[in-house]
Amino acid sequence: MKKRILSYTFFAVVILVVSVTLLVIRQKSPRELQVSIYNQWNELFVHEVSGKKKAFISTKRTKKVNISLSEAQGYGMLIATEQTHTDSNKPQETFDKLDAYYLSNRDAGTNLMSWKQVISHNGKRVKKYHNNATDGDLYIVYSLIRAAKNGPRRLPIIRNRRKLFWKIS
């Protein structure tokens, strides 16, 4: 009889330990997976302009040049914005660099980002197209709005980008 009670108690303790372990792993894994995927994406697609605090999203890479599109820039800004809740400062730095690149690649007349830029591997722009893609500008606007919601320090971004919002609407 004592053996049977001891067996059941041991079995219950093992089940409890396994359950608690699985629960802890399950709660930790999605965040770690998200951070890991973000870091891989950042390494593959985010390219910093050498010597400047700017970065662009490379949509196509050849032997001589990188190609960046306004849609990709908007996606990248949105991805970085959604990652700012992590413990790392890297998403915030990435967002700031992507935003700086966006600001330096707007058309003078519209304040909208040129839809395509061709950039050499040393960071110099080879060609800038002088028209816009509305979807790219909408993604950029949405990422700026999300950035303002994710952190109070980002609120001035919205105030400084009113021209962009009015041009699109």
C-alpha atoms as a PDB file:
ATOM      1  CA  MET A   1       0.000   0.000   0.000  1.00  0.00           C
ATOM      2  CA  LYS A   2       2.794   2.433   0.923  1.00  0.00           C
ATOM      3  CA  LYS A   3       4.567   1.561  -2.309  1.00  0.00           C
ATOM      4  CA  ARG A   4       1.501   2.420  -4.336  1.00  0.00           C
ATOM      5  CA  ILE A   5       1.031   5.828  -2.599  1.00  0.00           C
ATOM      6  CA  LEU A   6       4.732   6.577  -3.038  1.00  0.00           C
ATOM      7  CA  SER A   7       4.497   5.653  -6.744  1.00  0.00           C
ATOM      8  CA  TYR A   8       1.494   7.926  -7.276  1.00  0.00           C
ATOM      9  CA  THR A   9       3.185  10.781  -5.415  1.00  0.00           C
ATOM     10  CA  PHE A  10       6.372  10.377  -7.448  1.00  0.00           C
ATOM     11  CA  PHE A  11       4.353  10.257 -10.675  1.00  0.00           C
ATOM     12  CA  ALA A  12       2.421  13.417  -9.685  1.00  0.00           C
ATOM     13  CA  VAL A  13       5.657  15.278  -8.862  1.00  0.00           C
ATOM     14  CA  VAL A  14       7.216  14.287 -12.204  1.00  0.00           C
ATOM     15  CA  ILE A  15       4.093  15.412 -14.092  1.00  0.00           C
ATOM     16  CA  LEU A  16       4.106  18.716 -12.177  1.00  0.00           C
ATOM     17  CA  VAL A  17       7.798  19.368 -12.895  1.00  0.00           C
ATOM     18  CA  VAL A  18       7.389  18.563 -16.609  1.00  0.00           C
ATOM     19  CA  SER A  19       4.272  20.775 -16.838  1.00  0.00           C
ATOM     20  CA  VAL A  20       5.956  23.746 -15.166  1.00  0.00           C
ATOM     21  CA  THR A  21       9.050  23.332 -17.378  1.00  0.00           C
ATOM     22  CA  LEU A  22       6.951  23.237 -20.549  1.00  0.00           C
ATOM     23  CA  LEU A  23       4.952  26.258 -19.421  1.00  0.00           C
ATOM     24  CA  VAL A  24       8.112  28.316 -18.794  1.00  0.00           C
ATOM     25  CA  ILE A  25       9.629  27.280 -22.137  1.00  0.00           C
ATOM     26  CA  ARG A  26       6.408  28.032 -23.988  1.00  0.00           C
ATOM     27  CA  GLN A  27       6.131  31.517 -22.506  1.00  0.00           C
ATOM     28  CA  LYS A  28       9.750  32.375 -23.242  1.00  0.00           C
ATOM     29  CA  SER A  29      10.033  30.919 -26.749  1.00  0.00           C
ATOM     30  CA  PRO A  30       7.768  33.245 -28.804  1.00  0.00           C
ATOM     31  CA  ARG A  31       9.625  36.358 -27.646  1.00  0.00           C
ATOM     32  CA  GLU A  32      13.037  34.788 -28.251  1.00  0.00           C
ATOM     33  CA  LEU A  33      11.876  33.547 -31.657  1.00  0.00           C
ATOM     34  CA  GLN A  34      10.587  37.008 -32.568  1.00  0.00           C
ATOM     35  CA  VAL A  35      13.860  38.654 -31.540  1.00  0.00           C
ATOM     36  CA  SER A  36      15.863  36.026 -33.432  1.00  0.00           C
ATOM     37  CA  ILE A  37      13.847  36.530 -36.618  1.00  0.00           C
ATOM     38  CA  TYR A  38      14.133  40.321 -36.287  1.00  0.00           C
ATOM     39  CA  ASN A  39      17.921  40.063 -35.917  1.00  0.00           C
ATOM     40  CA  GLN A  40      18.167  37.829 -39.000  1.00  0.00           C
ATOM     41  CA  TRP A  41      15.979  40.213 -41.019  1.00  0.00           C
ATOM     42  CA  ASN A  42      18.039  43.172 -39.812  1.00  0.00           C
ATOM     43  CA  GLU A  43      21.272  41.469 -40.844  1.00  0.00           C
ATOM     44  CA  LEU A  44      20.018  40.498 -44.311  1.00  0.00           C
ATOM     45  CA  PHE A  45      18.027  43.516 -45.452  1.00  0.00           C
ATOM     46  CA  VAL A  46      19.001  46.625 -43.466  1.00  0.00           C
ATOM     47  CA  HIS A  47      22.065  48.330 -44.937  1.00  0.00           C
ATOM     48  CA  GLU A  48      23.649  51.331 -43.311  1.00  0.00           C
ATOM     49  CA  VAL A  49      24.951  54.166 -45.424  1.00  0.00           C
ATOM     50  CA  SER A  50      28.639  54.327 -44.524  1.00  0.00           C
ATOM     51  CA  GLY A  51      29.676  57.310 -42.456  1.00  0.00           C
ATOM     52  CA  LYS A  52      26.111  58.503 -41.894  1.00  0.00           C
ATOM     53  CA  LYS A  53      23.377  57.632 -39.446  1.00  0.00           C
ATOM     54  CA  LYS A  54      21.094  56.407 -42.196  1.00  0.00           C
ATOM     55  CA  ALA A  55      19.965  52.983 -43.339  1.00  0.00           C
ATOM     56  CA  PHE A  56      17.870  51.602 -46.167  1.00  0.00           C
ATOM     57  CA  ILE A  57      16.142  48.326 -46.886  1.00  0.00           C
ATOM     58  CA  SER A  58      17.770  46.529 -49.784  1.00  0.00           C
ATOM     59  CA  THR A  59      15.171  44.809 -51.949  1.00  0.00           C
ATOM     60  CA  LYS A  60      17.633  43.636 -54.594  1.00  0.00           C
ATOM     61  CA  ARG A  61      21.374  43.262 -54.404  1.00  0.00           C
ATOM     62  CA  THR A  62      23.601  42.843 -57.426  1.00  0.00           C
ATOM     63  CA  LYS A  63      27.374  42.760 -57.702  1.00  0.00           C
ATOM     64  CA  LYS A  64      27.503  46.522 -58.208  1.00  0.00           C
ATOM     65  CA  VAL A  65      24.432  48.065 -56.557  1.00  0.00           C
ATOM     66  CA  ASN A  66      21.616  47.728 -54.019  1.00  0.00           C
ATOM     67  CA  ILE A  67      18.076  48.698 -54.944  1.00  0.00           C
ATOM     68  CA  SER A  68      15.746  50.183 -52.366  1.00  0.00           C
ATOM     69  CA  LEU A  69      12.027  50.850 -52.775  1.00  0.00           C
ATOM     70  CA  SER A  70       9.791  53.130 -50.748  1.00  0.00           C
ATOM     71  CA  GLU A  71       7.509  50.168 -49.929  1.00  0.00           C
ATOM     72  CA  ALA A  72      10.432  48.295 -48.406  1.00  0.00           C
ATOM     73  CA  GLN A  73      11.465  51.376 -46.441  1.00  0.00           C
ATOM     74  CA  GLY A  74       7.935  51.606 -45.035  1.00  0.00           C
ATOM     75  CA  TYR A  75       7.860  47.893 -44.178  1.00  0.00           C
ATOM     76  CA  GLY A  76      11.249  48.187 -42.519  1.00  0.00           C
ATOM     77  CA  MET A  77      10.203  51.182 -40.453  1.00  0.00           C
ATOM     78  CA  LEU A  78       7.052  49.329 -39.402  1.00  0.00           C
ATOM     79  CA  ILE A  79       8.972  46.169 -38.451  1.00  0.00           C
ATOM     80  CA  ALA A  80      11.454  48.208 -36.401  1.00  0.00           C
ATOM     81  CA  THR A  81       8.584  50.078 -34.733  1.00  0.00           C
ATOM     82  CA  GLU A  82       6.860  46.850 -33.741  1.00  0.00           C
ATOM     83  CA  GLN A  83      10.103  45.546 -32.205  1.00  0.00           C
ATOM     84  CA  THR A  84      10.688  48.534 -29.908  1.00  0.00           C
ATOM     85  CA  HIS A  85       9.035  46.684 -26.996  1.00  0.00           C
ATOM     86  CA  THR A  86      12.030  44.333 -26.738  1.00  0.00           C
ATOM     87  CA  ASP A  87      14.851  44.866 -24.274  1.00  0.00           C
ATOM     88  CA  SER A  88      17.277  45.876 -27.005  1.00  0.00           C
ATOM     89  CA  ASN A  89      17.811  49.442 -28.256  1.00  0.00           C
ATOM     90  CA  LYS A  90      18.648  48.104 -31.725  1.00  0.00           C
ATOM     91  CA  PRO A  91      15.093  48.404 -33.163  1.00  0.00           C
ATOM     92  CA  GLN A  92      14.907  52.046 -32.054  1.00  0.00           C
ATOM     93  CA  GLU A  93      18.293  52.800 -33.620  1.00  0.00           C
ATOM     94  CA  THR A  94      17.249  50.995 -36.803  1.00  0.00           C
ATOM     95  CA  PHE A  95      14.003  52.972 -36.962  1.00  0.00           C
ATOM     96  CA  ASP A  96      15.878  56.262 -36.504  1.00  0.00           C
ATOM     97  CA  LYS A  97      18.332  55.370 -39.297  1.00  0.00           C
ATOM     98  CA  LEU A  98      15.544  54.272 -41.650  1.00  0.00           C
ATOM     99  CA  ASP A  99      13.662  57.483 -40.869  1.00  0.00           C
ATOM    100  CA  ALA A 100      16.782  59.580 -41.590  1.00  0.00           C
ATOM    101  CA  TYR A 101      17.195  57.811 -44.944  1.00  0.00           C
ATOM    102  CA  TYR A 102      13.542  58.436 -45.750  1.00  0.00           C
ATOM    103  CA  LEU A 103      13.943  62.150 -44.940  1.00  0.00           C
ATOM    104  CA  SER A 104      16.947  62.448 -47.233  1.00  0.00           C
ATOM    105  CA  ASN A 105      15.204  60.729 -50.169  1.00  0.00           C
ATOM    106  CA  ARG A 106      12.025  62.738 -50.495  1.00  0.00           C
ATOM    107  CA  ASP A 107      11.038  64.640 -53.585  1.00  0.00           C
ATOM    108  CA  ALA A 108      11.296  68.382 -53.009  1.00  0.00           C
ATOM    109  CA  GLY A 109       7.895  69.193 -54.479  1.00  0.00           C
ATOM    110  CA  THR A 110       5.807  66.552 -52.736  1.00  0.00           C
ATOM    111  CA  ASN A 111       7.759  65.599 -49.586  1.00  0.00           C
ATOM    112  CA  LEU A 112       6.991  61.986 -50.500  1.00  0.00           C
ATOM    113  CA  MET A 113       9.775  59.419 -50.778  1.00  0.00           C
ATOM    114  CA  SER A 114      11.018  58.645 -54.250  1.00  0.00           C
ATOM    115  CA  TRP A 115       9.785  55.167 -55.060  1.00  0.00           C
ATOM    116  CA  LYS A 116      13.147  53.706 -56.074  1.00  0.00           C
ATOM    117  CA  GLN A 117      16.773  54.423 -55.333  1.00  0.00           C
ATOM    118  CA  VAL A 118      19.814  52.656 -56.737  1.00  0.00           C
ATOM    119  CA  ILE A 119      22.717  52.722 -54.282  1.00  0.00           C
ATOM    120  CA  SER A 120      26.291  51.578 -54.866  1.00  0.00           C
ATOM    121  CA  HIS A 121      27.905  49.277 -52.310  1.00  0.00           C
ATOM    122  CA  ASN A 122      29.926  52.174 -50.906  1.00  0.00           C
ATOM    123  CA  GLY A 123      26.676  53.961 -49.995  1.00  0.00           C
ATOM    124  CA  LYS A 124      26.516  56.568 -52.750  1.00  0.00           C
ATOM    125  CA  ARG A 125      23.208  56.961 -54.547  1.00  0.00           C
ATOM    126  CA  VAL A 126      23.614  56.133 -58.232  1.00  0.00           C
ATOM    127  CA  LYS A 127      20.077  56.941 -59.335  1.00  0.00           C
ATOM    128  CA  LYS A 128      16.970  58.380 -57.711  1.00  0.00           C
ATOM    129  CA  TYR A 129      13.619  58.109 -59.449  1.00  0.00           C
ATOM    130  CA  HIS A 130      11.570  61.311 -59.240  1.00  0.00           C
ATOM    131  CA  ASN A 131       8.109  59.892 -58.758  1.00  0.00           C
ATOM    132  CA  ASN A 132       6.306  58.252 -55.866  1.00  0.00           C
ATOM    133  CA  ALA A 133       4.546  55.031 -54.960  1.00  0.00           C
ATOM    134  CA  THR A 134       1.534  55.729 -52.780  1.00  0.00           C
ATOM    135  CA  ASP A 135       1.657  52.381 -50.996  1.00  0.00           C
ATOM    136  CA  GLY A 136       5.225  53.008 -49.837  1.00  0.00           C
ATOM    137  CA  ASP A 137       4.299  56.426 -48.502  1.00  0.00           C
ATOM    138  CA  LEU A 138       1.267  54.966 -46.719  1.00  0.00           C
ATOM    139  CA  TYR A 139       3.450  52.344 -45.013  1.00  0.00           C
ATOM    140  CA  ILE A 140       5.844  55.081 -43.931  1.00  0.00           C
ATOM    141  CA  VAL A 141       2.998  57.188 -42.527  1.00  0.00           C
ATOM    142  CA  TYR A 142       1.560  54.180 -40.716  1.00  0.00           C
ATOM    143  CA  SER A 143       4.952  53.337 -39.215  1.00  0.00           C
ATOM    144  CA  LEU A 144       5.324  56.933 -37.993  1.00  0.00           C
ATOM    145  CA  ILE A 145       1.892  56.760 -36.356  1.00  0.00           C
ATOM    146  CA  ARG A 146       2.763  53.411 -34.724  1.00  0.00           C
ATOM    147  CA  ALA A 147       6.085  54.845 -33.564  1.00  0.00           C
ATOM    148  CA  ALA A 148       4.293  57.737 -31.881  1.00  0.00           C
ATOM    149  CA  LYS A 149       1.928  55.296 -30.140  1.00  0.00           C
ATOM    150  CA  ASN A 150       4.734  52.973 -29.013  1.00  0.00           C
ATOM    151  CA  GLY A 151       6.720  55.654 -27.252  1.00  0.00           C
ATOM    152  CA  PRO A 152       6.023  59.177 -26.064  1.00  0.00           C
ATOM    153  CA  ARG A 153       9.457  60.300 -27.226  1.00  0.00           C
ATOM    154  CA  ARG A 154       8.341  59.537 -30.794  1.00  0.00           C
ATOM    155  CA  LEU A 155       5.344  61.917 -30.664  1.00  0.00           C
ATOM    156  CA  PRO A 156       7.331  64.846 -32.165  1.00  0.00           C
ATOM    157  CA  ILE A 157       7.760  62.713 -35.299  1.00  0.00           C
ATOM    158  CA  ILE A 158       4.056  63.098 -36.029  1.00  0.00           C
ATOM    159  CA  ARG A 159       4.158  66.825 -35.526  1.00  0.00           C
ATOM    160  CA  ASN A 160       7.188  67.167 -37.802  1.00  0.00           C
ATOM    161  CA  ARG A 161       5.642  65.087 -40.594  1.00  0.00           C
ATOM    162  CA  ARG A 162       2.331  66.918 -41.025  1.00  0.00           C
ATOM    163  CA  LYS A 163       3.286  67.888 -44.585  1.00  0.00           C
ATOM    164  CA  LEU A 164       3.646  64.219 -45.505  1.00  0.00           C
ATOM    165  CA  PHE A 165       0.269  63.324 -44.005  1.00  0.00           C
ATOM    166  CA  TRP A 166      -1.497  66.146 -45.855  1.00  0.00           C
ATOM    167  CA  LYS A 167       0.177  65.297 -49.168  1.00  0.00           C
ATOM    168  CA  ILE A 168      -1.080  61.710 -48.988  1.00  0.00           C
ATOM    169  CA  SER A 169      -4.605  62.425 -47.753  1.00  0.00           C
END
